[in-house]
Amino acid sequence: MKHIIMAVFIAAISIPASTTTVYAGGKIQRACMKSDRKAVSRQLCSCIQVVANKVLTKSDQRKAAKFFKDPQKAQDVRMTKTRSTDAFWERYKSFGRTARNYCR
């Protein structure tokens, strides 16, 4: 299970950036830029923020931004079995898939 969570997280920030530069600004973008991943770039993090703005609520973005600094938080959220966390996790997985496809 932990490997799946890390895969979603890594996929969201390790995909190649789009050839179009987009500057969105936001919690996800800032968290992405502060992460220690090799693939981090302003262009990639901006693209991921654009996707977050389309797929995640502001509350979801605040929660997901914490995963960049501490991936264990993603595992903790995933393992919390409530309707609200399950719904969040589905939106988060959708965000990861969309970012992987859009931010190439």
N, C-alpha and C. Protein backbone atom coordinates (compact mmCIF):
# COMPACT_ATOMS: atom_id res chain seq x y z
N MET A 1 0.82 -1.19 0.00
CA MET A 1 0.00 0.00 0.00
C MET A 1 0.87 1.26 0.00
N LYS A 2 1.93 1.24 0.80
CA LYS A 2 2.82 2.41 0.86
C LYS A 2 3.45 2.68 -0.50
N HIS A 3 3.75 1.62 -1.24
CA HIS A 3 4.34 1.78 -2.57
C HIS A 3 3.38 2.45 -3.54
N ILE A 4 2.10 2.15 -3.42
CA ILE A 4 1.09 2.77 -4.29
C ILE A 4 1.01 4.26 -4.00
N ILE A 5 1.01 4.60 -2.73
CA ILE A 5 0.92 6.01 -2.34
C ILE A 5 2.15 6.77 -2.84
N MET A 6 3.31 6.19 -2.67
CA MET A 6 4.53 6.85 -3.14
C MET A 6 4.51 6.97 -4.66
N ALA A 7 3.98 5.98 -5.35
CA ALA A 7 3.92 6.03 -6.81
C ALA A 7 3.05 7.19 -7.28
N VAL A 8 1.90 7.39 -6.61
CA VAL A 8 1.03 8.51 -6.98
C VAL A 8 1.76 9.83 -6.74
N PHE A 9 2.40 9.94 -5.60
CA PHE A 9 3.14 11.16 -5.26
C PHE A 9 4.28 11.41 -6.24
N ILE A 10 5.08 10.41 -6.48
CA ILE A 10 6.24 10.56 -7.36
C ILE A 10 5.79 10.83 -8.79
N ALA A 11 4.73 10.16 -9.23
CA ALA A 11 4.23 10.39 -10.59
C ALA A 11 3.79 11.83 -10.76
N ALA A 12 3.22 12.39 -9.73
CA ALA A 12 2.72 13.76 -9.83
C ALA A 12 3.85 14.77 -9.97
N ILE A 13 5.05 14.45 -9.41
CA ILE A 13 6.12 15.44 -9.49
C ILE A 13 7.29 15.03 -10.36
N SER A 14 7.27 13.83 -10.90
CA SER A 14 8.44 13.41 -11.67
C SER A 14 8.19 13.32 -13.16
N ILE A 15 7.00 13.71 -13.60
CA ILE A 15 6.70 13.65 -15.02
C ILE A 15 7.34 14.82 -15.74
N PRO A 16 7.67 14.66 -17.00
CA PRO A 16 8.27 15.77 -17.73
C PRO A 16 7.30 16.94 -17.83
N ALA A 17 7.83 18.12 -17.81
CA ALA A 17 7.00 19.32 -17.87
C ALA A 17 6.49 19.57 -19.28
N SER A 18 5.36 20.23 -19.35
CA SER A 18 4.77 20.61 -20.62
C SER A 18 5.68 21.61 -21.32
N THR A 19 5.59 21.69 -22.62
CA THR A 19 6.41 22.65 -23.35
C THR A 19 5.86 24.07 -23.20
N THR A 20 4.65 24.19 -22.67
CA THR A 20 4.06 25.50 -22.45
C THR A 20 4.29 25.91 -21.01
N THR A 21 4.83 27.08 -20.80
CA THR A 21 5.06 27.58 -19.45
C THR A 21 3.78 28.17 -18.92
N VAL A 22 3.39 27.70 -17.74
CA VAL A 22 2.19 28.19 -17.07
C VAL A 22 2.59 28.54 -15.65
N TYR A 23 2.25 29.73 -15.21
CA TYR A 23 2.55 30.13 -13.84
C TYR A 23 1.25 30.31 -13.09
N ALA A 24 0.92 29.35 -12.25
CA ALA A 24 -0.37 29.35 -11.58
C ALA A 24 -0.28 29.92 -10.16
N GLY A 25 0.77 29.62 -9.44
CA GLY A 25 0.89 30.02 -8.05
C GLY A 25 -0.11 29.26 -7.19
N GLY A 26 0.30 28.82 -6.04
CA GLY A 26 -0.59 28.10 -5.14
C GLY A 26 0.18 27.18 -4.22
N LYS A 27 -0.54 26.58 -3.30
CA LYS A 27 0.08 25.72 -2.28
C LYS A 27 0.79 24.52 -2.89
N ILE A 28 0.18 23.89 -3.86
CA ILE A 28 0.79 22.71 -4.49
C ILE A 28 2.08 23.12 -5.19
N GLN A 29 2.04 24.20 -5.92
CA GLN A 29 3.23 24.67 -6.64
C GLN A 29 4.36 24.98 -5.67
N ARG A 30 4.05 25.68 -4.60
CA ARG A 30 5.10 26.03 -3.62
C ARG A 30 5.68 24.77 -2.97
N ALA A 31 4.80 23.84 -2.61
CA ALA A 31 5.28 22.59 -1.99
C ALA A 31 6.13 21.80 -2.98
N CYS A 32 5.71 21.76 -4.22
CA CYS A 32 6.46 21.06 -5.27
C CYS A 32 7.86 21.68 -5.42
N MET A 33 7.92 23.00 -5.47
CA MET A 33 9.20 23.67 -5.66
C MET A 33 10.15 23.43 -4.48
N LYS A 34 9.61 23.22 -3.30
CA LYS A 34 10.44 22.98 -2.11
C LYS A 34 10.86 21.52 -1.98
N SER A 35 10.26 20.63 -2.78
CA SER A 35 10.58 19.21 -2.66
C SER A 35 12.00 18.96 -3.17
N ASP A 36 12.55 17.84 -2.77
CA ASP A 36 13.94 17.53 -3.12
C ASP A 36 14.05 16.59 -4.32
N ARG A 37 13.02 16.51 -5.14
CA ARG A 37 13.05 15.63 -6.30
C ARG A 37 13.88 16.25 -7.42
N LYS A 38 14.59 15.42 -8.17
CA LYS A 38 15.44 15.89 -9.26
C LYS A 38 14.66 16.56 -10.38
N ALA A 39 13.45 16.08 -10.65
CA ALA A 39 12.67 16.57 -11.79
C ALA A 39 11.96 17.90 -11.51
N VAL A 40 12.12 18.44 -10.32
CA VAL A 40 11.42 19.68 -9.97
C VAL A 40 11.88 20.83 -10.85
N SER A 41 10.91 21.56 -11.37
CA SER A 41 11.18 22.78 -12.12
C SER A 41 9.98 23.70 -11.94
N ARG A 42 10.18 24.97 -12.17
CA ARG A 42 9.08 25.92 -12.07
C ARG A 42 7.97 25.53 -13.04
N GLN A 43 8.35 25.14 -14.24
CA GLN A 43 7.38 24.77 -15.27
C GLN A 43 6.55 23.55 -14.84
N LEU A 44 7.21 22.52 -14.35
CA LEU A 44 6.51 21.32 -13.91
C LEU A 44 5.59 21.62 -12.73
N CYS A 45 6.11 22.32 -11.74
CA CYS A 45 5.31 22.60 -10.55
C CYS A 45 4.13 23.51 -10.87
N SER A 46 4.32 24.42 -11.81
CA SER A 46 3.21 25.28 -12.25
C SER A 46 2.14 24.44 -12.94
N CYS A 47 2.55 23.52 -13.77
CA CYS A 47 1.61 22.65 -14.46
C CYS A 47 0.82 21.80 -13.46
N ILE A 48 1.52 21.26 -12.49
CA ILE A 48 0.85 20.46 -11.46
C ILE A 48 -0.16 21.31 -10.70
N GLN A 49 0.17 22.57 -10.44
CA GLN A 49 -0.76 23.47 -9.76
C GLN A 49 -2.00 23.71 -10.61
N VAL A 50 -1.81 23.89 -11.90
CA VAL A 50 -2.96 24.08 -12.81
C VAL A 50 -3.90 22.88 -12.71
N VAL A 51 -3.34 21.69 -12.72
CA VAL A 51 -4.16 20.48 -12.60
C VAL A 51 -4.85 20.45 -11.24
N ALA A 52 -4.11 20.79 -10.19
CA ALA A 52 -4.71 20.80 -8.85
C ALA A 52 -5.89 21.76 -8.79
N ASN A 53 -5.75 22.91 -9.44
CA ASN A 53 -6.84 23.88 -9.45
C ASN A 53 -8.09 23.33 -10.12
N LYS A 54 -7.91 22.43 -11.07
CA LYS A 54 -9.05 21.86 -11.80
C LYS A 54 -9.64 20.64 -11.09
N VAL A 55 -8.82 19.90 -10.36
CA VAL A 55 -9.26 18.61 -9.82
C VAL A 55 -9.52 18.65 -8.31
N LEU A 56 -8.75 19.45 -7.58
CA LEU A 56 -8.83 19.45 -6.12
C LEU A 56 -9.46 20.74 -5.60
N THR A 57 -10.17 20.63 -4.49
CA THR A 57 -10.68 21.81 -3.80
C THR A 57 -9.51 22.51 -3.11
N LYS A 58 -9.72 23.72 -2.65
CA LYS A 58 -8.66 24.43 -1.91
C LYS A 58 -8.27 23.64 -0.66
N SER A 59 -9.24 23.07 0.00
CA SER A 59 -8.97 22.25 1.19
C SER A 59 -8.14 21.02 0.81
N ASP A 60 -8.51 20.37 -0.28
CA ASP A 60 -7.74 19.22 -0.77
C ASP A 60 -6.30 19.63 -1.07
N GLN A 61 -6.13 20.79 -1.67
CA GLN A 61 -4.79 21.26 -2.02
C GLN A 61 -3.95 21.50 -0.78
N ARG A 62 -4.54 22.06 0.26
CA ARG A 62 -3.79 22.26 1.51
C ARG A 62 -3.33 20.92 2.07
N LYS A 63 -4.23 19.94 2.04
CA LYS A 63 -3.89 18.61 2.56
C LYS A 63 -2.82 17.95 1.69
N ALA A 64 -3.00 17.99 0.38
CA ALA A 64 -2.07 17.32 -0.54
C ALA A 64 -0.70 17.99 -0.54
N ALA A 65 -0.64 19.30 -0.34
CA ALA A 65 0.64 20.00 -0.33
C ALA A 65 1.55 19.46 0.77
N LYS A 66 0.97 19.01 1.86
CA LYS A 66 1.76 18.46 2.97
C LYS A 66 2.45 17.16 2.59
N PHE A 67 1.90 16.45 1.59
CA PHE A 67 2.48 15.18 1.16
C PHE A 67 3.85 15.38 0.52
N PHE A 68 4.09 16.53 -0.09
CA PHE A 68 5.37 16.78 -0.75
C PHE A 68 6.50 16.79 0.28
N LYS A 69 6.24 17.37 1.44
CA LYS A 69 7.26 17.44 2.49
C LYS A 69 7.35 16.14 3.28
N ASP A 70 6.21 15.52 3.51
CA ASP A 70 6.17 14.32 4.34
C ASP A 70 5.26 13.27 3.71
N PRO A 71 5.81 12.42 2.83
CA PRO A 71 5.00 11.41 2.16
C PRO A 71 4.28 10.45 3.12
N GLN A 72 4.78 10.33 4.34
CA GLN A 72 4.11 9.48 5.32
C GLN A 72 2.70 10.00 5.62
N LYS A 73 2.50 11.30 5.50
CA LYS A 73 1.17 11.87 5.71
C LYS A 73 0.18 11.30 4.69
N ALA A 74 0.64 11.07 3.48
CA ALA A 74 -0.24 10.47 2.47
C ALA A 74 -0.66 9.07 2.92
N GLN A 75 0.28 8.32 3.42
CA GLN A 75 -0.03 6.97 3.92
C GLN A 75 -1.02 7.04 5.07
N ASP A 76 -0.82 7.98 5.97
CA ASP A 76 -1.72 8.12 7.12
C ASP A 76 -3.13 8.46 6.66
N VAL A 77 -3.25 9.37 5.71
CA VAL A 77 -4.57 9.73 5.18
C VAL A 77 -5.19 8.54 4.48
N ARG A 78 -4.43 7.86 3.69
CA ARG A 78 -4.93 6.70 2.93
C ARG A 78 -5.45 5.63 3.87
N MET A 79 -4.81 5.43 4.98
CA MET A 79 -5.19 4.38 5.91
C MET A 79 -6.36 4.77 6.81
N THR A 80 -6.70 6.04 6.86
CA THR A 80 -7.84 6.50 7.64
C THR A 80 -9.10 6.16 6.87
N LYS A 81 -9.90 5.30 7.42
CA LYS A 81 -11.08 4.81 6.70
C LYS A 81 -12.33 5.56 7.16
N THR A 82 -12.55 6.70 6.54
CA THR A 82 -13.80 7.42 6.73
C THR A 82 -14.31 7.81 5.35
N ARG A 83 -15.57 8.16 5.30
CA ARG A 83 -16.12 8.56 4.00
C ARG A 83 -15.38 9.76 3.44
N SER A 84 -15.09 10.73 4.29
CA SER A 84 -14.44 11.95 3.79
C SER A 84 -13.02 11.68 3.31
N THR A 85 -12.25 10.86 4.04
CA THR A 85 -10.89 10.59 3.59
C THR A 85 -10.89 9.70 2.35
N ASP A 86 -11.83 8.78 2.27
CA ASP A 86 -11.94 7.95 1.06
C ASP A 86 -12.26 8.82 -0.16
N ALA A 87 -13.17 9.78 0.03
CA ALA A 87 -13.54 10.68 -1.07
C ALA A 87 -12.34 11.55 -1.46
N PHE A 88 -11.63 12.06 -0.45
CA PHE A 88 -10.42 12.84 -0.74
C PHE A 88 -9.43 11.99 -1.51
N TRP A 89 -9.20 10.76 -1.08
CA TRP A 89 -8.20 9.92 -1.72
C TRP A 89 -8.55 9.65 -3.18
N GLU A 90 -9.81 9.48 -3.47
CA GLU A 90 -10.22 9.29 -4.87
C GLU A 90 -9.91 10.54 -5.69
N ARG A 91 -10.18 11.72 -5.12
CA ARG A 91 -9.86 12.97 -5.83
C ARG A 91 -8.34 13.11 -5.99
N TYR A 92 -7.59 12.72 -4.98
CA TYR A 92 -6.13 12.81 -5.03
C TYR A 92 -5.56 11.88 -6.10
N LYS A 93 -6.09 10.66 -6.19
CA LYS A 93 -5.64 9.73 -7.23
C LYS A 93 -5.97 10.29 -8.61
N SER A 94 -7.15 10.88 -8.75
CA SER A 94 -7.52 11.50 -10.02
C SER A 94 -6.57 12.63 -10.36
N PHE A 95 -6.22 13.41 -9.37
CA PHE A 95 -5.24 14.50 -9.54
C PHE A 95 -3.92 13.94 -10.05
N GLY A 96 -3.43 12.87 -9.43
CA GLY A 96 -2.16 12.26 -9.84
C GLY A 96 -2.20 11.76 -11.28
N ARG A 97 -3.28 11.08 -11.65
CA ARG A 97 -3.42 10.59 -13.02
C ARG A 97 -3.49 11.74 -14.02
N THR A 98 -4.27 12.75 -13.68
CA THR A 98 -4.43 13.89 -14.58
C THR A 98 -3.12 14.65 -14.73
N ALA A 99 -2.41 14.87 -13.64
CA ALA A 99 -1.12 15.57 -13.70
C ALA A 99 -0.13 14.78 -14.54
N ARG A 100 -0.11 13.47 -14.37
CA ARG A 100 0.81 12.63 -15.14
C ARG A 100 0.53 12.75 -16.64
N ASN A 101 -0.74 12.82 -17.02
CA ASN A 101 -1.11 12.92 -18.43
C ASN A 101 -0.97 14.33 -18.99
N TYR A 102 -1.28 15.31 -18.22
CA TYR A 102 -1.33 16.70 -18.69
C TYR A 102 0.04 17.39 -18.69
N CYS A 103 0.84 17.08 -17.70
CA CYS A 103 2.11 17.80 -17.50
C CYS A 103 3.29 17.07 -18.15
N ARG A 104 3.15 16.69 -19.37
CA ARG A 104 4.22 15.99 -20.10
C ARG A 104 5.03 16.97 -20.89
